[in-house]
Amino acid sequence: MACGQGMCPGTKLDVMKPDVRIKRAYEPAAKADGYRVLVDRLWPRGIKREALAVDEWAKDVSPSNELRRRFHHDPERWSEFVKQYRSELASGEGKIALARLKKIVRTRTVTLVYAARDVEHNNAVALRIILTARSSGA
């Protein structure tokens, strides 16, 4: 790959740009999804495990029940939600799970699977922001 396309052999830019996708749990799985991770604390309603076809259910990277209830997919609370979610992932089990997920993201395509109706304001969108931030080295 040419240097101008994201990789410069022998330089600090010689790393794969993270390919983190998001997809609703109610959309069919596809080979292009790569490693599929359910990032909700609760299993999506009405979906069998086989149909969801996730490689991992990462409850520890999902927002706490308290944060999830407080946010309640209100776009006016989005910025505060992302800030508090990032804070939750900075310690404890969340930190460990996030570091593990970052390692996976560095090596392959990852699709974050979620159940929320709001496709723009949900924990998968926030988690993708966190995973693909420039300082996301684990």
Protein backbone atom coordinates (compact mmCIF):
# COMPACT_ATOMS: atom_id res chain seq x y z
CA MET A 1 0.00 0.00 0.00
CA ALA A 2 1.34 3.43 -0.87
CA CYS A 3 2.35 5.82 1.87
CA GLY A 4 -0.48 8.22 1.02
CA GLN A 5 -3.08 5.49 1.57
CA GLY A 6 -2.66 5.03 5.31
CA MET A 7 0.51 2.95 5.60
CA CYS A 8 4.13 4.06 5.29
CA PRO A 9 6.50 1.08 5.58
CA GLY A 10 9.19 1.64 8.19
CA THR A 11 7.51 4.67 9.77
CA LYS A 12 5.18 5.28 12.69
CA LEU A 13 2.33 5.25 10.18
CA ASP A 14 3.06 1.57 9.40
CA VAL A 15 -0.07 0.39 11.21
CA MET A 16 -3.45 -0.69 9.99
CA LYS A 17 -6.12 1.96 10.37
CA PRO A 18 -8.85 0.46 12.57
CA ASP A 19 -11.86 -0.86 10.65
CA VAL A 20 -14.61 -0.66 13.25
CA ARG A 21 -18.13 -0.97 11.93
CA ILE A 22 -21.46 -0.85 13.68
CA LYS A 23 -24.58 -2.83 12.91
CA ARG A 24 -27.97 -3.30 14.50
CA ALA A 25 -28.57 -6.74 15.92
CA TYR A 26 -31.68 -7.02 13.76
CA GLU A 27 -29.69 -6.73 10.51
CA PRO A 28 -28.35 -9.96 9.01
CA ALA A 29 -24.72 -10.91 9.65
CA ALA A 30 -22.34 -10.77 6.68
CA LYS A 31 -18.86 -12.14 6.04
CA ALA A 32 -17.64 -8.55 5.60
CA ASP A 33 -18.53 -7.89 9.26
CA GLY A 34 -15.38 -9.67 10.36
CA TYR A 35 -15.25 -10.25 14.12
CA ARG A 36 -18.75 -9.52 15.48
CA VAL A 37 -19.05 -8.27 19.06
CA LEU A 38 -22.33 -7.70 20.88
CA VAL A 39 -21.69 -4.58 22.96
CA ASP A 40 -25.00 -4.39 24.84
CA ARG A 41 -25.42 -5.45 28.45
CA LEU A 42 -28.77 -7.06 27.61
CA TRP A 43 -29.36 -9.66 24.92
CA PRO A 44 -31.45 -8.23 22.03
CA ARG A 45 -35.13 -9.13 22.27
CA GLY A 46 -36.43 -11.85 20.02
CA ILE A 47 -33.09 -12.95 18.58
CA LYS A 48 -31.63 -16.41 19.00
CA ARG A 49 -27.90 -16.78 19.57
CA GLU A 50 -27.42 -18.61 16.27
CA ALA A 51 -29.19 -15.86 14.33
CA LEU A 52 -27.14 -13.07 15.88
CA ALA A 53 -23.91 -14.84 14.92
CA VAL A 54 -21.60 -12.93 17.27
CA ASP A 55 -18.08 -14.05 18.04
CA GLU A 56 -18.21 -12.45 21.47
CA TRP A 57 -20.67 -10.88 23.88
CA ALA A 58 -18.61 -8.14 25.53
CA LYS A 59 -20.82 -7.07 28.42
CA ASP A 60 -17.85 -5.46 30.18
CA VAL A 61 -17.50 -2.80 27.46
CA SER A 62 -21.17 -1.89 27.62
CA PRO A 63 -22.29 1.13 29.63
CA SER A 64 -23.48 0.53 33.17
CA ASN A 65 -27.21 0.11 33.71
CA GLU A 66 -27.25 3.44 35.55
CA LEU A 67 -25.60 5.31 32.65
CA ARG A 68 -27.77 3.56 30.08
CA ARG A 69 -30.96 4.51 31.94
CA ARG A 70 -29.81 8.09 32.51
CA PHE A 71 -28.98 8.58 28.82
CA HIS A 72 -32.08 6.79 27.51
CA HIS A 73 -31.00 7.57 23.90
CA ASP A 74 -31.69 11.28 24.35
CA PRO A 75 -29.65 13.14 21.68
CA GLU A 76 -29.41 16.18 23.96
CA ARG A 77 -27.48 14.05 26.47
CA TRP A 78 -25.19 12.48 23.85
CA SER A 79 -22.00 14.44 24.61
CA GLU A 80 -22.33 13.80 28.33
CA PHE A 81 -23.07 10.12 27.67
CA VAL A 82 -19.89 9.67 25.59
CA LYS A 83 -17.83 11.46 28.25
CA GLN A 84 -19.22 9.32 31.09
CA TYR A 85 -19.01 6.13 29.04
CA ARG A 86 -15.33 6.84 28.30
CA SER A 87 -14.83 7.40 32.03
CA GLU A 88 -16.46 4.05 32.86
CA LEU A 89 -14.11 2.32 30.42
CA ALA A 90 -11.06 3.89 32.08
CA SER A 91 -11.08 1.58 35.10
CA GLY A 92 -11.93 -1.87 36.39
CA GLU A 93 -13.36 -4.59 34.18
CA GLY A 94 -14.24 -2.04 31.51
CA LYS A 95 -10.61 -1.03 31.12
CA ILE A 96 -9.48 -4.63 30.78
CA ALA A 97 -12.22 -5.47 28.27
CA LEU A 98 -11.55 -2.30 26.26
CA ALA A 99 -7.81 -3.06 26.05
CA ARG A 100 -8.58 -6.58 24.81
CA LEU A 101 -11.00 -5.25 22.21
CA LYS A 102 -8.44 -2.66 21.05
CA LYS A 103 -5.96 -5.48 20.39
CA ILE A 104 -8.52 -7.26 18.21
CA VAL A 105 -9.34 -4.02 16.35
CA ARG A 106 -5.66 -3.59 15.45
CA THR A 107 -5.60 -6.91 13.61
CA ARG A 108 -8.95 -7.29 11.87
CA THR A 109 -12.30 -5.80 10.93
CA VAL A 110 -14.60 -5.61 13.93
CA THR A 111 -18.35 -4.99 13.86
CA LEU A 112 -19.93 -3.70 17.05
CA VAL A 113 -23.43 -5.14 17.27
CA TYR A 114 -26.14 -3.30 19.21
CA ALA A 115 -29.93 -3.39 19.58
CA ALA A 116 -30.92 0.28 20.07
CA ARG A 117 -33.33 1.84 17.59
CA ASP A 118 -31.39 5.11 17.41
CA VAL A 119 -28.61 4.46 14.90
CA GLU A 120 -26.79 7.72 15.62
CA HIS A 121 -26.85 7.88 19.44
CA ASN A 122 -26.04 4.53 21.03
CA ASN A 123 -23.23 2.83 22.89
CA ALA A 124 -21.83 1.16 19.74
CA VAL A 125 -21.35 4.56 18.08
CA ALA A 126 -19.69 5.90 21.23
CA LEU A 127 -17.50 2.82 21.54
CA ARG A 128 -16.39 3.15 17.91
CA ILE A 129 -15.37 6.75 18.68
CA ILE A 130 -13.35 5.54 21.67
CA LEU A 131 -11.75 2.63 19.77
CA THR A 132 -10.71 4.69 16.77
CA ALA A 133 -9.44 7.76 18.63
CA ARG A 134 -5.81 8.58 17.75
CA SER A 135 -4.63 7.83 21.28
CA SER A 136 -6.40 4.46 21.36
CA GLY A 137 -3.26 2.41 21.88
CA ALA A 138 -3.82 -0.12 24.64
